[in-house]
Amino acid sequence: MKYFVSSELGKRLPFAITNYDQLIKSDDIFTPSLRDFNVIFWIKKGKGEYTIDFEKYTFEEGTIILLSKDQLHYFLPFNKAEVEIVSIGFKPEVIYRNDLDIEHLFKFNSHSYQKINQTIYISDSEGNRFQRYCDDLNHIYNKWKNAYQYEGFYHNLCLFLLQCEIIQEKQSEAKDLIQDKPTAEYLTFSQLIEVNYKTEFRVSFYTNEMNVSLKTLSQLTKTFYKTSPKSVIDNRRILEIKRLLKGTSKSSKAIAYELNFDEPTNMFKFFKKHTGITPKDFKNLA
């Protein structure tokens, strides 16, 4: 298990593009890990499986996977000679410079893995366009002088992500994903949880912040999450405990205090109630 920080991206820059021969020199991509930066994986050849936040998915040629910082991710072992992957890593602030950027350039949702938002499939002709973007990113990263690297990488990465967004909208046949009020409220609730899950555990906090009734919020979570508001909040805390147990060397006691449990024993009880096992047993699971 590893935790990667942005200083390890390469060249001490807040971004990097890594070709496949560099990517597979170690087994890091097969090791469960957390990162403090976003990552894009473009599967140029081959097929296999990968795991994000303890759920398994498949990939094939033409898959682009967009991962948020702090999502626990790893690829399951595959034949290295039959697969080719390009990796682009970058700190969130590289692309999020204002409110408009947050509404575009893909929404990297670190609170949950939403396949419709974070995975797209591209055709061969689209692949040619993405290859040009990657060639430019590679050239900027390896050849340009430092004074120009940041802006050059930023503009080409934006082109890459905007193209992803266009393809995703075509594939989902959605002209405006936040047009209706329930979807907008769902996004608001999700964002509020992401910002406040470490300190706010009461449903009333979220109904007050959203200015909606408990009945309205309950209907919202039933529609989008298939469960109650309290379960959504609790599940976010459980996910973070799992990430920290598997992706860091922090002790259960330290994790409990980080997530604002009054006592470590309260976190142990909370975790076992929701998962059926203790934090220690979960950490030791293969």
C-alpha atoms as a PDB file:
ATOM      1  CA  MET A   1       0.000   0.000   0.000  1.00  0.00           C
ATOM      2  CA  LYS A   2       1.365   3.404  -0.932  1.00  0.00           C
ATOM      3  CA  TYR A   3       0.516   7.059  -0.605  1.00  0.00           C
ATOM      4  CA  PHE A   4       1.820   9.185  -3.470  1.00  0.00           C
ATOM      5  CA  VAL A   5       2.241  12.945  -3.108  1.00  0.00           C
ATOM      6  CA  SER A   6       2.563  15.522  -5.836  1.00  0.00           C
ATOM      7  CA  SER A   7       6.278  16.072  -5.224  1.00  0.00           C
ATOM      8  CA  GLU A   8       6.784  12.576  -6.620  1.00  0.00           C
ATOM      9  CA  LEU A   9       5.124  13.349  -9.958  1.00  0.00           C
ATOM     10  CA  GLY A  10       8.481  14.147 -11.496  1.00  0.00           C
ATOM     11  CA  LYS A  11      10.659  17.211 -12.011  1.00  0.00           C
ATOM     12  CA  ARG A  12       9.043  18.740  -8.915  1.00  0.00           C
ATOM     13  CA  LEU A  13       6.167  19.998 -11.054  1.00  0.00           C
ATOM     14  CA  PRO A  14       2.441  19.758 -10.135  1.00  0.00           C
ATOM     15  CA  PHE A  15       1.860  17.597 -13.228  1.00  0.00           C
ATOM     16  CA  ALA A  16       3.460  14.767 -15.190  1.00  0.00           C
ATOM     17  CA  ILE A  17       2.795  12.552 -18.191  1.00  0.00           C
ATOM     18  CA  THR A  18       4.132   9.012 -17.930  1.00  0.00           C
ATOM     19  CA  ASN A  19       4.519   6.627 -20.847  1.00  0.00           C
ATOM     20  CA  TYR A  20       3.927   2.910 -20.490  1.00  0.00           C
ATOM     21  CA  ASP A  21       7.557   1.798 -20.390  1.00  0.00           C
ATOM     22  CA  GLN A  22       8.099   4.104 -17.418  1.00  0.00           C
ATOM     23  CA  LEU A  23       4.787   3.168 -15.815  1.00  0.00           C
ATOM     24  CA  ILE A  24       5.559  -0.564 -15.585  1.00  0.00           C
ATOM     25  CA  LYS A  25       9.150  -0.335 -14.384  1.00  0.00           C
ATOM     26  CA  SER A  26       7.746  -0.943 -10.901  1.00  0.00           C
ATOM     27  CA  ASP A  27       4.579  -2.630  -9.706  1.00  0.00           C
ATOM     28  CA  ASP A  28       3.139   0.607  -8.308  1.00  0.00           C
ATOM     29  CA  ILE A  29       0.032   0.479 -10.509  1.00  0.00           C
ATOM     30  CA  PHE A  30      -0.782  -2.951  -9.013  1.00  0.00           C
ATOM     31  CA  THR A  31      -0.432  -1.657  -5.434  1.00  0.00           C
ATOM     32  CA  PRO A  32      -3.477  -0.217  -3.608  1.00  0.00           C
ATOM     33  CA  SER A  33      -2.646   3.462  -3.240  1.00  0.00           C
ATOM     34  CA  LEU A  34      -3.970   6.931  -2.494  1.00  0.00           C
ATOM     35  CA  ARG A  35      -2.716  10.101  -4.163  1.00  0.00           C
ATOM     36  CA  ASP A  36      -2.974  13.797  -3.424  1.00  0.00           C
ATOM     37  CA  PHE A  37      -3.418  14.496  -7.128  1.00  0.00           C
ATOM     38  CA  ASN A  38      -5.809  13.518  -9.943  1.00  0.00           C
ATOM     39  CA  VAL A  39      -4.826  10.864 -12.475  1.00  0.00           C
ATOM     40  CA  ILE A  40      -5.958  10.031 -16.011  1.00  0.00           C
ATOM     41  CA  PHE A  41      -5.295   6.565 -17.405  1.00  0.00           C
ATOM     42  CA  TRP A  42      -5.746   6.037 -21.143  1.00  0.00           C
ATOM     43  CA  ILE A  43      -5.830   2.348 -22.109  1.00  0.00           C
ATOM     44  CA  LYS A  44      -4.328   2.312 -25.587  1.00  0.00           C
ATOM     45  CA  LYS A  45      -4.144  -1.490 -25.881  1.00  0.00           C
ATOM     46  CA  GLY A  46      -5.309  -4.601 -24.043  1.00  0.00           C
ATOM     47  CA  LYS A  47      -7.936  -5.432 -21.469  1.00  0.00           C
ATOM     48  CA  GLY A  48      -8.129  -6.270 -17.795  1.00  0.00           C
ATOM     49  CA  GLU A  49      -9.591  -5.242 -14.456  1.00  0.00           C
ATOM     50  CA  TYR A  50      -9.034  -2.448 -11.969  1.00  0.00           C
ATOM     51  CA  THR A  51     -10.394  -1.495  -8.551  1.00  0.00           C
ATOM     52  CA  ILE A  52     -11.541   1.890  -7.304  1.00  0.00           C
ATOM     53  CA  ASP A  53     -12.666   2.362  -3.717  1.00  0.00           C
ATOM     54  CA  PHE A  54     -13.103  -1.409  -3.256  1.00  0.00           C
ATOM     55  CA  GLU A  55     -15.253  -1.961  -6.351  1.00  0.00           C
ATOM     56  CA  LYS A  56     -13.987  -3.896  -9.360  1.00  0.00           C
ATOM     57  CA  TYR A  57     -14.350  -2.709 -12.964  1.00  0.00           C
ATOM     58  CA  THR A  58     -13.117  -3.860 -16.361  1.00  0.00           C
ATOM     59  CA  PHE A  59     -11.130  -1.953 -18.946  1.00  0.00           C
ATOM     60  CA  GLU A  60     -10.541  -2.483 -22.655  1.00  0.00           C
ATOM     61  CA  GLU A  61      -8.764  -0.709 -25.489  1.00  0.00           C
ATOM     62  CA  GLY A  62     -10.043   2.838 -25.815  1.00  0.00           C
ATOM     63  CA  THR A  63     -10.976   3.258 -22.145  1.00  0.00           C
ATOM     64  CA  ILE A  64     -10.136   6.555 -20.446  1.00  0.00           C
ATOM     65  CA  ILE A  65     -10.339   6.469 -16.639  1.00  0.00           C
ATOM     66  CA  LEU A  66     -10.417   9.762 -14.723  1.00  0.00           C
ATOM     67  CA  LEU A  67      -9.474   9.364 -11.054  1.00  0.00           C
ATOM     68  CA  SER A  68      -9.892  11.906  -8.293  1.00  0.00           C
ATOM     69  CA  LYS A  69      -7.320  12.580  -5.628  1.00  0.00           C
ATOM     70  CA  ASP A  70      -7.758  10.399  -2.546  1.00  0.00           C
ATOM     71  CA  GLN A  71      -9.527   7.579  -4.379  1.00  0.00           C
ATOM     72  CA  LEU A  72      -7.968   4.223  -3.549  1.00  0.00           C
ATOM     73  CA  HIS A  73      -7.079   2.643  -6.865  1.00  0.00           C
ATOM     74  CA  TYR A  74      -5.039  -0.176  -8.379  1.00  0.00           C
ATOM     75  CA  PHE A  75      -4.951  -2.404 -11.453  1.00  0.00           C
ATOM     76  CA  LEU A  76      -5.292  -6.148 -11.054  1.00  0.00           C
ATOM     77  CA  PRO A  77      -2.306  -8.059 -12.504  1.00  0.00           C
ATOM     78  CA  PHE A  78      -2.266  -8.300 -16.297  1.00  0.00           C
ATOM     79  CA  ASN A  79       0.162  -9.393 -19.005  1.00  0.00           C
ATOM     80  CA  LYS A  80       2.390  -6.342 -19.394  1.00  0.00           C
ATOM     81  CA  ALA A  81       3.246  -7.244 -22.994  1.00  0.00           C
ATOM     82  CA  GLU A  82      -0.426  -7.181 -24.022  1.00  0.00           C
ATOM     83  CA  VAL A  83      -1.394  -3.842 -22.448  1.00  0.00           C
ATOM     84  CA  GLU A  84      -0.358  -0.236 -23.074  1.00  0.00           C
ATOM     85  CA  ILE A  85      -1.359   2.642 -20.803  1.00  0.00           C
ATOM     86  CA  VAL A  86      -0.614   6.370 -20.715  1.00  0.00           C
ATOM     87  CA  SER A  87      -0.816   8.127 -17.340  1.00  0.00           C
ATOM     88  CA  ILE A  88      -1.337  11.873 -16.752  1.00  0.00           C
ATOM     89  CA  GLY A  89      -1.140  13.134 -13.173  1.00  0.00           C
ATOM     90  CA  PHE A  90      -1.860  16.654 -11.969  1.00  0.00           C
ATOM     91  CA  LYS A  91      -2.790  18.623  -8.878  1.00  0.00           C
ATOM     92  CA  PRO A  92      -6.435  19.826  -8.878  1.00  0.00           C
ATOM     93  CA  GLU A  93      -5.382  23.480  -8.859  1.00  0.00           C
ATOM     94  CA  VAL A  94      -3.625  22.984 -12.204  1.00  0.00           C
ATOM     95  CA  ILE A  95      -7.010  23.048 -13.965  1.00  0.00           C
ATOM     96  CA  TYR A  96      -9.390  24.551 -11.381  1.00  0.00           C
ATOM     97  CA  ARG A  97      -8.603  28.253 -11.514  1.00  0.00           C
ATOM     98  CA  ASN A  98     -12.119  29.659 -11.160  1.00  0.00           C
ATOM     99  CA  ASP A  99     -15.756  28.648 -10.665  1.00  0.00           C
ATOM    100  CA  LEU A 100     -16.282  28.125 -14.398  1.00  0.00           C
ATOM    101  CA  ASP A 101     -13.526  25.521 -14.513  1.00  0.00           C
ATOM    102  CA  ILE A 102     -15.229  23.539 -11.743  1.00  0.00           C
ATOM    103  CA  GLU A 103     -18.332  23.219 -13.939  1.00  0.00           C
ATOM    104  CA  HIS A 104     -16.281  21.856 -16.841  1.00  0.00           C
ATOM    105  CA  LEU A 105     -13.055  19.936 -17.444  1.00  0.00           C
ATOM    106  CA  PHE A 106     -14.753  16.925 -15.913  1.00  0.00           C
ATOM    107  CA  LYS A 107     -15.960  16.833 -12.351  1.00  0.00           C
ATOM    108  CA  PHE A 108     -13.438  14.780 -10.410  1.00  0.00           C
ATOM    109  CA  ASN A 109     -15.668  13.534  -7.594  1.00  0.00           C
ATOM    110  CA  SER A 110     -13.469  12.266  -4.801  1.00  0.00           C
ATOM    111  CA  HIS A 111     -16.422  11.258  -2.604  1.00  0.00           C
ATOM    112  CA  SER A 112     -17.563   8.402  -4.826  1.00  0.00           C
ATOM    113  CA  TYR A 113     -16.699   6.600  -8.000  1.00  0.00           C
ATOM    114  CA  GLN A 114     -19.367   7.331 -10.607  1.00  0.00           C
ATOM    115  CA  LYS A 115     -18.596   5.352 -13.727  1.00  0.00           C
ATOM    116  CA  ILE A 116     -20.793   7.493 -15.993  1.00  0.00           C
ATOM    117  CA  ASN A 117     -18.791  10.566 -15.006  1.00  0.00           C
ATOM    118  CA  GLN A 118     -15.296   9.154 -14.722  1.00  0.00           C
ATOM    119  CA  THR A 119     -14.959   6.570 -17.487  1.00  0.00           C
ATOM    120  CA  ILE A 120     -15.397   7.115 -21.222  1.00  0.00           C
ATOM    121  CA  TYR A 121     -14.793   4.957 -24.282  1.00  0.00           C
ATOM    122  CA  ILE A 122     -13.251   6.435 -27.413  1.00  0.00           C
ATOM    123  CA  SER A 123     -13.149   5.323 -31.046  1.00  0.00           C
ATOM    124  CA  ASP A 124     -10.008   4.878 -33.144  1.00  0.00           C
ATOM    125  CA  SER A 125     -10.512   8.272 -34.820  1.00  0.00           C
ATOM    126  CA  GLU A 126     -10.981   9.930 -31.432  1.00  0.00           C
ATOM    127  CA  GLY A 127      -7.885   8.082 -30.264  1.00  0.00           C
ATOM    128  CA  ASN A 128      -5.851   9.830 -32.958  1.00  0.00           C
ATOM    129  CA  ARG A 129      -6.925  13.181 -31.541  1.00  0.00           C
ATOM    130  CA  PHE A 130      -6.042  12.149 -27.988  1.00  0.00           C
ATOM    131  CA  GLN A 131      -2.663  10.905 -29.207  1.00  0.00           C
ATOM    132  CA  ARG A 132      -1.914  14.385 -30.537  1.00  0.00           C
ATOM    133  CA  TYR A 133      -2.797  15.858 -27.139  1.00  0.00           C
ATOM    134  CA  CYS A 134      -0.502  13.362 -25.420  1.00  0.00           C
ATOM    135  CA  ASP A 135       2.322  14.029 -27.862  1.00  0.00           C
ATOM    136  CA  ASP A 136       2.039  17.747 -27.119  1.00  0.00           C
ATOM    137  CA  LEU A 137       1.910  17.136 -23.350  1.00  0.00           C
ATOM    138  CA  ASN A 138       4.970  14.906 -23.602  1.00  0.00           C
ATOM    139  CA  HIS A 139       6.870  17.499 -25.618  1.00  0.00           C
ATOM    140  CA  ILE A 140       5.979  20.309 -23.208  1.00  0.00           C
ATOM    141  CA  TYR A 141       6.855  18.207 -20.155  1.00  0.00           C
ATOM    142  CA  ASN A 142      10.203  17.000 -21.500  1.00  0.00           C
ATOM    143  CA  LYS A 143      11.401  19.787 -23.807  1.00  0.00           C
ATOM    144  CA  TRP A 144       9.980  23.160 -22.805  1.00  0.00           C
ATOM    145  CA  LYS A 145      11.740  25.504 -20.408  1.00  0.00           C
ATOM    146  CA  ASN A 146      10.266  25.820 -16.917  1.00  0.00           C
ATOM    147  CA  ALA A 147       9.004  29.345 -17.485  1.00  0.00           C
ATOM    148  CA  TYR A 148       6.550  28.078 -20.130  1.00  0.00           C
ATOM    149  CA  GLN A 149       5.822  24.513 -19.002  1.00  0.00           C
ATOM    150  CA  TYR A 150       2.966  25.288 -16.636  1.00  0.00           C
ATOM    151  CA  GLU A 151       0.864  27.302 -19.097  1.00  0.00           C
ATOM    152  CA  GLY A 152       1.574  24.943 -21.982  1.00  0.00           C
ATOM    153  CA  PHE A 153       0.630  21.867 -19.968  1.00  0.00           C
ATOM    154  CA  TYR A 154      -2.476  23.598 -18.607  1.00  0.00           C
ATOM    155  CA  HIS A 155      -3.881  24.533 -22.019  1.00  0.00           C
ATOM    156  CA  ASN A 156      -3.256  21.111 -23.570  1.00  0.00           C
ATOM    157  CA  LEU A 157      -4.675  19.301 -20.541  1.00  0.00           C
ATOM    158  CA  CYS A 158      -7.797  21.471 -20.794  1.00  0.00           C
ATOM    159  CA  LEU A 159      -8.188  20.423 -24.432  1.00  0.00           C
ATOM    160  CA  PHE A 160      -7.843  16.770 -23.399  1.00  0.00           C
ATOM    161  CA  LEU A 161     -10.464  17.093 -20.665  1.00  0.00           C
ATOM    162  CA  LEU A 162     -12.900  19.163 -22.720  1.00  0.00           C
ATOM    163  CA  GLN A 163     -12.771  16.494 -25.417  1.00  0.00           C
ATOM    164  CA  CYS A 164     -13.529  13.892 -22.723  1.00  0.00           C
ATOM    165  CA  GLU A 165     -16.495  15.977 -21.607  1.00  0.00           C
ATOM    166  CA  ILE A 166     -17.863  16.273 -25.147  1.00  0.00           C
ATOM    167  CA  ILE A 167     -17.625  12.506 -25.683  1.00  0.00           C
ATOM    168  CA  GLN A 168     -19.181  11.743 -22.306  1.00  0.00           C
ATOM    169  CA  GLU A 169     -22.155  13.996 -23.071  1.00  0.00           C
ATOM    170  CA  LYS A 170     -22.664  12.266 -26.417  1.00  0.00           C
ATOM    171  CA  GLN A 171     -22.448   8.828 -24.823  1.00  0.00           C
ATOM    172  CA  SER A 172     -24.867   9.685 -22.028  1.00  0.00           C
ATOM    173  CA  GLU A 173     -27.163  11.557 -24.424  1.00  0.00           C
ATOM    174  CA  ALA A 174     -27.405  14.315 -21.807  1.00  0.00           C
ATOM    175  CA  LYS A 175     -27.618  17.879 -23.073  1.00  0.00           C
ATOM    176  CA  ASP A 176     -27.588  19.407 -19.607  1.00  0.00           C
ATOM    177  CA  LEU A 177     -26.979  17.155 -16.629  1.00  0.00           C
ATOM    178  CA  ILE A 178     -28.058  19.764 -14.052  1.00  0.00           C
ATOM    179  CA  GLN A 179     -31.135  21.103 -15.832  1.00  0.00           C
ATOM    180  CA  ASP A 180     -33.733  19.623 -13.472  1.00  0.00           C
ATOM    181  CA  LYS A 181     -34.055  20.604  -9.830  1.00  0.00           C
ATOM    182  CA  PRO A 182     -33.676  17.109  -8.252  1.00  0.00           C
ATOM    183  CA  THR A 183     -30.342  16.537 -10.017  1.00  0.00           C
ATOM    184  CA  ALA A 184     -29.105  19.976  -8.945  1.00  0.00           C
ATOM    185  CA  GLU A 185     -30.110  19.212  -5.341  1.00  0.00           C
ATOM    186  CA  TYR A 186     -28.397  15.825  -5.543  1.00  0.00           C
ATOM    187  CA  LEU A 187     -25.147  17.515  -6.658  1.00  0.00           C
ATOM    188  CA  THR A 188     -25.482  20.080  -3.868  1.00  0.00           C
ATOM    189  CA  PHE A 189     -25.991  17.359  -1.264  1.00  0.00           C
ATOM    190  CA  SER A 190     -23.013  15.389  -2.591  1.00  0.00           C
ATOM    191  CA  GLN A 191     -20.781  18.455  -2.479  1.00  0.00           C
ATOM    192  CA  LEU A 192     -21.917  19.357   1.034  1.00  0.00           C
ATOM    193  CA  ILE A 193     -21.104  15.865   2.270  1.00  0.00           C
ATOM    194  CA  GLU A 194     -17.678  15.976   0.661  1.00  0.00           C
ATOM    195  CA  VAL A 195     -16.833  19.231   2.401  1.00  0.00           C
ATOM    196  CA  ASN A 196     -18.367  18.409   5.797  1.00  0.00           C
ATOM    197  CA  TYR A 197     -18.358  14.623   6.337  1.00  0.00           C
ATOM    198  CA  LYS A 198     -15.534  14.794   8.898  1.00  0.00           C
ATOM    199  CA  THR A 199     -17.380  17.178  11.203  1.00  0.00           C
ATOM    200  CA  GLU A 200     -21.108  17.092  10.395  1.00  0.00           C
ATOM    201  CA  PHE A 201     -22.932  13.809  10.936  1.00  0.00           C
ATOM    202  CA  ARG A 202     -26.472  15.062  11.569  1.00  0.00           C
ATOM    203  CA  VAL A 203     -29.020  15.004   8.765  1.00  0.00           C
ATOM    204  CA  SER A 204     -30.469  18.276  10.103  1.00  0.00           C
ATOM    205  CA  PHE A 205     -27.243  20.097   9.201  1.00  0.00           C
ATOM    206  CA  TYR A 206     -27.698  19.182   5.541  1.00  0.00           C
ATOM    207  CA  THR A 207     -31.422  19.962   5.393  1.00  0.00           C
ATOM    208  CA  ASN A 208     -30.689  23.378   6.937  1.00  0.00           C
ATOM    209  CA  GLU A 209     -27.836  24.084   4.512  1.00  0.00           C
ATOM    210  CA  MET A 210     -29.967  23.077   1.532  1.00  0.00           C
ATOM    211  CA  ASN A 211     -33.119  24.710   2.914  1.00  0.00           C
ATOM    212  CA  VAL A 212     -35.193  21.575   2.272  1.00  0.00           C
ATOM    213  CA  SER A 213     -37.370  19.388   4.464  1.00  0.00           C
ATOM    214  CA  LEU A 214     -36.342  15.966   5.736  1.00  0.00           C
ATOM    215  CA  LYS A 215     -39.042  14.468   3.513  1.00  0.00           C
ATOM    216  CA  THR A 216     -37.571  16.164   0.423  1.00  0.00           C
ATOM    217  CA  LEU A 217     -34.022  15.059   1.233  1.00  0.00           C
ATOM    218  CA  SER A 218     -35.196  11.522   1.975  1.00  0.00           C
ATOM    219  CA  GLN A 219     -36.935  11.330  -1.400  1.00  0.00           C
ATOM    220  CA  LEU A 220     -33.798  12.714  -3.045  1.00  0.00           C
ATOM    221  CA  THR A 221     -31.500  10.092  -1.523  1.00  0.00           C
ATOM    222  CA  LYS A 222     -34.002   7.331  -2.222  1.00  0.00           C
ATOM    223  CA  THR A 223     -33.975   8.313  -5.909  1.00  0.00           C
ATOM    224  CA  PHE A 224     -30.231   8.815  -6.370  1.00  0.00           C
ATOM    225  CA  TYR A 225     -28.650   6.651  -3.664  1.00  0.00           C
ATOM    226  CA  LYS A 226     -31.364   4.037  -3.004  1.00  0.00           C
ATOM    227  CA  THR A 227     -31.020   4.632   0.734  1.00  0.00           C
ATOM    228  CA  SER A 228     -31.664   7.174   3.520  1.00  0.00           C
ATOM    229  CA  PRO A 229     -29.838  10.493   4.092  1.00  0.00           C
ATOM    230  CA  LYS A 230     -28.222   9.161   7.274  1.00  0.00           C
ATOM    231  CA  SER A 231     -26.931   6.103   5.434  1.00  0.00           C
ATOM    232  CA  VAL A 232     -25.398   8.305   2.726  1.00  0.00           C
ATOM    233  CA  ILE A 233     -23.547  10.320   5.379  1.00  0.00           C
ATOM    234  CA  ASP A 234     -22.447   7.194   7.267  1.00  0.00           C
ATOM    235  CA  ASN A 235     -21.321   5.469   4.060  1.00  0.00           C
ATOM    236  CA  ARG A 236     -19.077   8.421   3.211  1.00  0.00           C
ATOM    237  CA  ARG A 237     -17.391   8.139   6.609  1.00  0.00           C
ATOM    238  CA  ILE A 238     -17.016   4.372   6.189  1.00  0.00           C
ATOM    239  CA  LEU A 239     -15.420   4.876   2.780  1.00  0.00           C
ATOM    240  CA  GLU A 240     -12.871   7.301   4.234  1.00  0.00           C
ATOM    241  CA  ILE A 241     -12.014   4.903   7.062  1.00  0.00           C
ATOM    242  CA  LYS A 242     -11.447   2.143   4.505  1.00  0.00           C
ATOM    243  CA  ARG A 243      -9.281   4.387   2.320  1.00  0.00           C
ATOM    244  CA  LEU A 244      -7.105   5.430   5.249  1.00  0.00           C
ATOM    245  CA  LEU A 245      -6.819   1.889   6.615  1.00  0.00           C
ATOM    246  CA  LYS A 246      -5.760   0.433   3.263  1.00  0.00           C
ATOM    247  CA  GLY A 247      -3.983   3.365   1.666  1.00  0.00           C
ATOM    248  CA  THR A 248      -1.932   4.801   4.541  1.00  0.00           C
ATOM    249  CA  SER A 249       0.119   3.627   7.506  1.00  0.00           C
ATOM    250  CA  LYS A 250      -2.049   5.584   9.975  1.00  0.00           C
ATOM    251  CA  SER A 251      -3.219   3.720  13.061  1.00  0.00           C
ATOM    252  CA  SER A 252      -6.910   3.127  13.730  1.00  0.00           C
ATOM    253  CA  LYS A 253      -6.627   5.479  16.690  1.00  0.00           C
ATOM    254  CA  ALA A 254      -5.207   8.276  14.543  1.00  0.00           C
ATOM    255  CA  ILE A 255      -7.909   7.734  11.919  1.00  0.00           C
ATOM    256  CA  ALA A 256     -10.612   7.906  14.584  1.00  0.00           C
ATOM    257  CA  TYR A 257      -9.440  11.294  15.791  1.00  0.00           C
ATOM    258  CA  GLU A 258      -8.929  12.575  12.233  1.00  0.00           C
ATOM    259  CA  LEU A 259     -12.585  11.789  11.501  1.00  0.00           C
ATOM    260  CA  ASN A 260     -13.721  13.420  14.763  1.00  0.00           C
ATOM    261  CA  PHE A 261     -14.900  10.392  16.693  1.00  0.00           C
ATOM    262  CA  ASP A 262     -14.950  11.197  20.420  1.00  0.00           C
ATOM    263  CA  GLU A 263     -13.087   7.993  21.217  1.00  0.00           C
ATOM    264  CA  PRO A 264     -11.381   5.349  19.067  1.00  0.00           C
ATOM    265  CA  THR A 265     -13.757   2.728  20.486  1.00  0.00           C
ATOM    266  CA  ASN A 266     -16.672   4.668  18.990  1.00  0.00           C
ATOM    267  CA  MET A 267     -15.130   4.375  15.537  1.00  0.00           C
ATOM    268  CA  PHE A 268     -14.480   0.656  16.045  1.00  0.00           C
ATOM    269  CA  LYS A 269     -18.155   0.106  16.954  1.00  0.00           C
ATOM    270  CA  PHE A 270     -19.353   2.312  14.082  1.00  0.00           C
ATOM    271  CA  PHE A 271     -17.163   0.486  11.569  1.00  0.00           C
ATOM    272  CA  LYS A 272     -18.119  -2.988  12.739  1.00  0.00           C
ATOM    273  CA  LYS A 273     -21.819  -2.086  12.756  1.00  0.00           C
ATOM    274  CA  HIS A 274     -21.653  -1.072   9.079  1.00  0.00           C
ATOM    275  CA  THR A 275     -19.177  -3.643   7.757  1.00  0.00           C
ATOM    276  CA  GLY A 276     -19.438  -6.636  10.077  1.00  0.00           C
ATOM    277  CA  ILE A 277     -15.697  -6.655  10.827  1.00  0.00           C
ATOM    278  CA  THR A 278     -13.268  -4.597  12.907  1.00  0.00           C
ATOM    279  CA  PRO A 279     -10.929  -1.969  11.415  1.00  0.00           C
ATOM    280  CA  LYS A 280      -7.958  -4.208  12.247  1.00  0.00           C
ATOM    281  CA  ASP A 281      -9.487  -7.189  10.430  1.00  0.00           C
ATOM    282  CA  PHE A 282     -10.308  -5.012   7.406  1.00  0.00           C
ATOM    283  CA  LYS A 283      -6.761  -3.633   7.261  1.00  0.00           C
ATOM    284  CA  ASN A 284      -5.386  -7.173   7.276  1.00  0.00           C
ATOM    285  CA  LEU A 285      -7.634  -8.413   4.474  1.00  0.00           C
ATOM    286  CA  ALA A 286      -5.708  -9.390   1.338  1.00  0.00           C
END
